[in-house]
Amino acid sequence: MAAVSLSVSTVKPLGDRVFVKVSASEEKTAGGILLPDNAQEKPQVGEVSAVGPGKRNDDGSRQTLDISLGDKVLYSKYAGTDIKLGGEEYVLLSEKDILAIVD
């Protein structure tokens, strides 16, 4: 899937969406072999840059997210929408696509 390229200064996710800055992919294997760009796997770890207000419940109230700004998260491999913003790579995910908070 091609990445969406935006030329804006800020992104504010809606609902239960989370905007994650993608961590750099591994350029070497554990044995020290350098990997070309086309052989590197898509990273599944990133830092939360922005969070939406939360999913709206049936009664109209908002359900708060378990994720907060600055959390380092592990997300599903093929989840979300890839976005390029100012030369950086981001992914816009639904909260359900986030698997864990990592340290």
C-alpha atoms as a PDB file:
ATOM      1  CA  MET A   1       0.000   0.000   0.000  1.00  0.00           C
ATOM      2  CA  ALA A   2       1.328   3.444  -0.889  1.00  0.00           C
ATOM      3  CA  ALA A   3       1.856   5.983   1.859  1.00  0.00           C
ATOM      4  CA  VAL A   4      -0.222   9.146   1.956  1.00  0.00           C
ATOM      5  CA  SER A   5       1.965  12.252   1.813  1.00  0.00           C
ATOM      6  CA  LEU A   6       0.701  15.313   3.706  1.00  0.00           C
ATOM      7  CA  SER A   7       1.992  18.859   3.824  1.00  0.00           C
ATOM      8  CA  VAL A   8       0.364  20.063   7.050  1.00  0.00           C
ATOM      9  CA  SER A   9       1.827  21.082  10.395  1.00  0.00           C
ATOM     10  CA  THR A  10      -0.411  19.056  12.745  1.00  0.00           C
ATOM     11  CA  VAL A  11      -2.650  16.007  12.652  1.00  0.00           C
ATOM     12  CA  LYS A  12      -5.449  15.524  15.196  1.00  0.00           C
ATOM     13  CA  PRO A  13      -6.892  11.993  15.152  1.00  0.00           C
ATOM     14  CA  LEU A  14     -10.647  11.529  15.566  1.00  0.00           C
ATOM     15  CA  GLY A  15     -12.498   8.983  17.708  1.00  0.00           C
ATOM     16  CA  ASP A  16     -10.342   6.108  18.925  1.00  0.00           C
ATOM     17  CA  ARG A  17      -7.561   6.750  16.400  1.00  0.00           C
ATOM     18  CA  VAL A  18      -3.888   7.038  17.376  1.00  0.00           C
ATOM     19  CA  PHE A  19      -1.134   8.782  15.349  1.00  0.00           C
ATOM     20  CA  VAL A  20       2.169   6.907  15.769  1.00  0.00           C
ATOM     21  CA  LYS A  21       5.680   7.932  14.638  1.00  0.00           C
ATOM     22  CA  VAL A  22       7.259   4.793  13.180  1.00  0.00           C
ATOM     23  CA  SER A  23      10.611   3.688  14.634  1.00  0.00           C
ATOM     24  CA  ALA A  24      13.492   3.138  12.232  1.00  0.00           C
ATOM     25  CA  SER A  25      13.674  -0.346  10.725  1.00  0.00           C
ATOM     26  CA  GLU A  26      16.585  -2.635  11.438  1.00  0.00           C
ATOM     27  CA  GLU A  27      19.375  -2.185   8.901  1.00  0.00           C
ATOM     28  CA  LYS A  28      21.459  -5.142  10.143  1.00  0.00           C
ATOM     29  CA  THR A  29      20.690  -8.697  11.078  1.00  0.00           C
ATOM     30  CA  ALA A  30      21.770 -10.123  14.436  1.00  0.00           C
ATOM     31  CA  GLY A  31      24.789 -11.598  12.634  1.00  0.00           C
ATOM     32  CA  GLY A  32      25.849  -8.178  11.306  1.00  0.00           C
ATOM     33  CA  ILE A  33      24.688  -8.539   7.690  1.00  0.00           C
ATOM     34  CA  LEU A  34      23.517  -5.233   6.185  1.00  0.00           C
ATOM     35  CA  LEU A  35      20.024  -5.366   4.677  1.00  0.00           C
ATOM     36  CA  PRO A  36      19.061  -3.383   1.563  1.00  0.00           C
ATOM     37  CA  ASP A  37      15.961  -1.151   1.815  1.00  0.00           C
ATOM     38  CA  ASN A  38      13.740  -3.597  -0.074  1.00  0.00           C
ATOM     39  CA  ALA A  39      14.641  -6.472   2.298  1.00  0.00           C
ATOM     40  CA  GLN A  40      13.893  -4.582   5.507  1.00  0.00           C
ATOM     41  CA  GLU A  41      10.630  -5.445   7.214  1.00  0.00           C
ATOM     42  CA  LYS A  42       8.073  -2.782   8.049  1.00  0.00           C
ATOM     43  CA  PRO A  43       8.597  -1.787  11.696  1.00  0.00           C
ATOM     44  CA  GLN A  44       5.822  -2.600  14.158  1.00  0.00           C
ATOM     45  CA  VAL A  45       6.997  -0.303  16.954  1.00  0.00           C
ATOM     46  CA  GLY A  46       6.520   3.426  17.251  1.00  0.00           C
ATOM     47  CA  GLU A  47       5.927   6.357  19.577  1.00  0.00           C
ATOM     48  CA  VAL A  48       2.459   7.860  20.021  1.00  0.00           C
ATOM     49  CA  SER A  49       2.455  11.428  18.650  1.00  0.00           C
ATOM     50  CA  ALA A  50      -1.263  12.220  19.000  1.00  0.00           C
ATOM     51  CA  VAL A  51      -4.411  10.517  20.293  1.00  0.00           C
ATOM     52  CA  GLY A  52      -8.071  11.056  19.520  1.00  0.00           C
ATOM     53  CA  PRO A  53     -10.673  11.942  22.154  1.00  0.00           C
ATOM     54  CA  GLY A  54     -11.928   8.343  22.380  1.00  0.00           C
ATOM     55  CA  LYS A  55     -14.737   6.232  21.018  1.00  0.00           C
ATOM     56  CA  ARG A  56     -18.259   7.525  21.605  1.00  0.00           C
ATOM     57  CA  ASN A  57     -20.461   5.229  23.714  1.00  0.00           C
ATOM     58  CA  ASP A  58     -24.186   4.607  23.117  1.00  0.00           C
ATOM     59  CA  ASP A  59     -25.111   7.228  25.723  1.00  0.00           C
ATOM     60  CA  GLY A  60     -22.959   9.873  23.979  1.00  0.00           C
ATOM     61  CA  SER A  61     -20.106   9.876  26.485  1.00  0.00           C
ATOM     62  CA  ARG A  62     -16.489   9.242  25.442  1.00  0.00           C
ATOM     63  CA  GLN A  63     -14.558   6.086  26.323  1.00  0.00           C
ATOM     64  CA  THR A  64     -11.011   7.161  27.212  1.00  0.00           C
ATOM     65  CA  LEU A  65      -8.092   5.472  25.462  1.00  0.00           C
ATOM     66  CA  ASP A  66      -5.609   3.220  27.269  1.00  0.00           C
ATOM     67  CA  ILE A  67      -2.829   4.829  25.218  1.00  0.00           C
ATOM     68  CA  SER A  68      -1.347   8.246  25.996  1.00  0.00           C
ATOM     69  CA  LEU A  69       0.953  10.692  24.262  1.00  0.00           C
ATOM     70  CA  GLY A  70       4.603   9.541  24.275  1.00  0.00           C
ATOM     71  CA  ASP A  71       3.886   5.829  24.842  1.00  0.00           C
ATOM     72  CA  LYS A  72       6.030   3.411  22.814  1.00  0.00           C
ATOM     73  CA  VAL A  73       3.666   0.855  21.294  1.00  0.00           C
ATOM     74  CA  LEU A  74       3.709  -2.413  19.353  1.00  0.00           C
ATOM     75  CA  TYR A  75       1.040  -2.561  16.639  1.00  0.00           C
ATOM     76  CA  SER A  76      -0.284  -5.087  14.104  1.00  0.00           C
ATOM     77  CA  LYS A  77       1.892  -5.527  11.032  1.00  0.00           C
ATOM     78  CA  TYR A  78      -0.608  -4.562   8.329  1.00  0.00           C
ATOM     79  CA  ALA A  79      -2.764  -2.191  10.392  1.00  0.00           C
ATOM     80  CA  GLY A  80      -3.494   1.458   9.808  1.00  0.00           C
ATOM     81  CA  THR A  81      -2.702   3.994   7.130  1.00  0.00           C
ATOM     82  CA  ASP A  82       0.923   4.894   6.348  1.00  0.00           C
ATOM     83  CA  ILE A  83       1.499   8.663   6.260  1.00  0.00           C
ATOM     84  CA  LYS A  84       4.597  10.711   5.362  1.00  0.00           C
ATOM     85  CA  LEU A  85       4.689  14.074   7.093  1.00  0.00           C
ATOM     86  CA  GLY A  86       7.706  16.376   6.855  1.00  0.00           C
ATOM     87  CA  GLY A  87      10.055  13.564   5.810  1.00  0.00           C
ATOM     88  CA  GLU A  88       9.040  11.396   8.789  1.00  0.00           C
ATOM     89  CA  GLU A  89       6.986   8.200   8.613  1.00  0.00           C
ATOM     90  CA  TYR A  90       3.821   7.823  10.674  1.00  0.00           C
ATOM     91  CA  VAL A  91       0.926   5.395  10.847  1.00  0.00           C
ATOM     92  CA  LEU A  92      -2.665   6.265  11.764  1.00  0.00           C
ATOM     93  CA  LEU A  93      -4.156   3.362  13.732  1.00  0.00           C
ATOM     94  CA  SER A  94      -7.328   2.444  15.504  1.00  0.00           C
ATOM     95  CA  GLU A  95      -6.751   1.707  19.210  1.00  0.00           C
ATOM     96  CA  LYS A  96      -7.780  -1.929  18.652  1.00  0.00           C
ATOM     97  CA  ASP A  97      -4.763  -2.399  16.327  1.00  0.00           C
ATOM     98  CA  ILE A  98      -2.312  -1.606  19.143  1.00  0.00           C
ATOM     99  CA  LEU A  99      -1.117  -4.821  20.745  1.00  0.00           C
ATOM    100  CA  ALA A 100       1.003  -3.591  23.673  1.00  0.00           C
ATOM    101  CA  ILE A 101       2.828  -0.704  25.310  1.00  0.00           C
ATOM    102  CA  VAL A 102       6.557  -1.457  25.334  1.00  0.00           C
ATOM    103  CA  ASP A 103       9.482   0.085  27.271  1.00  0.00           C
END
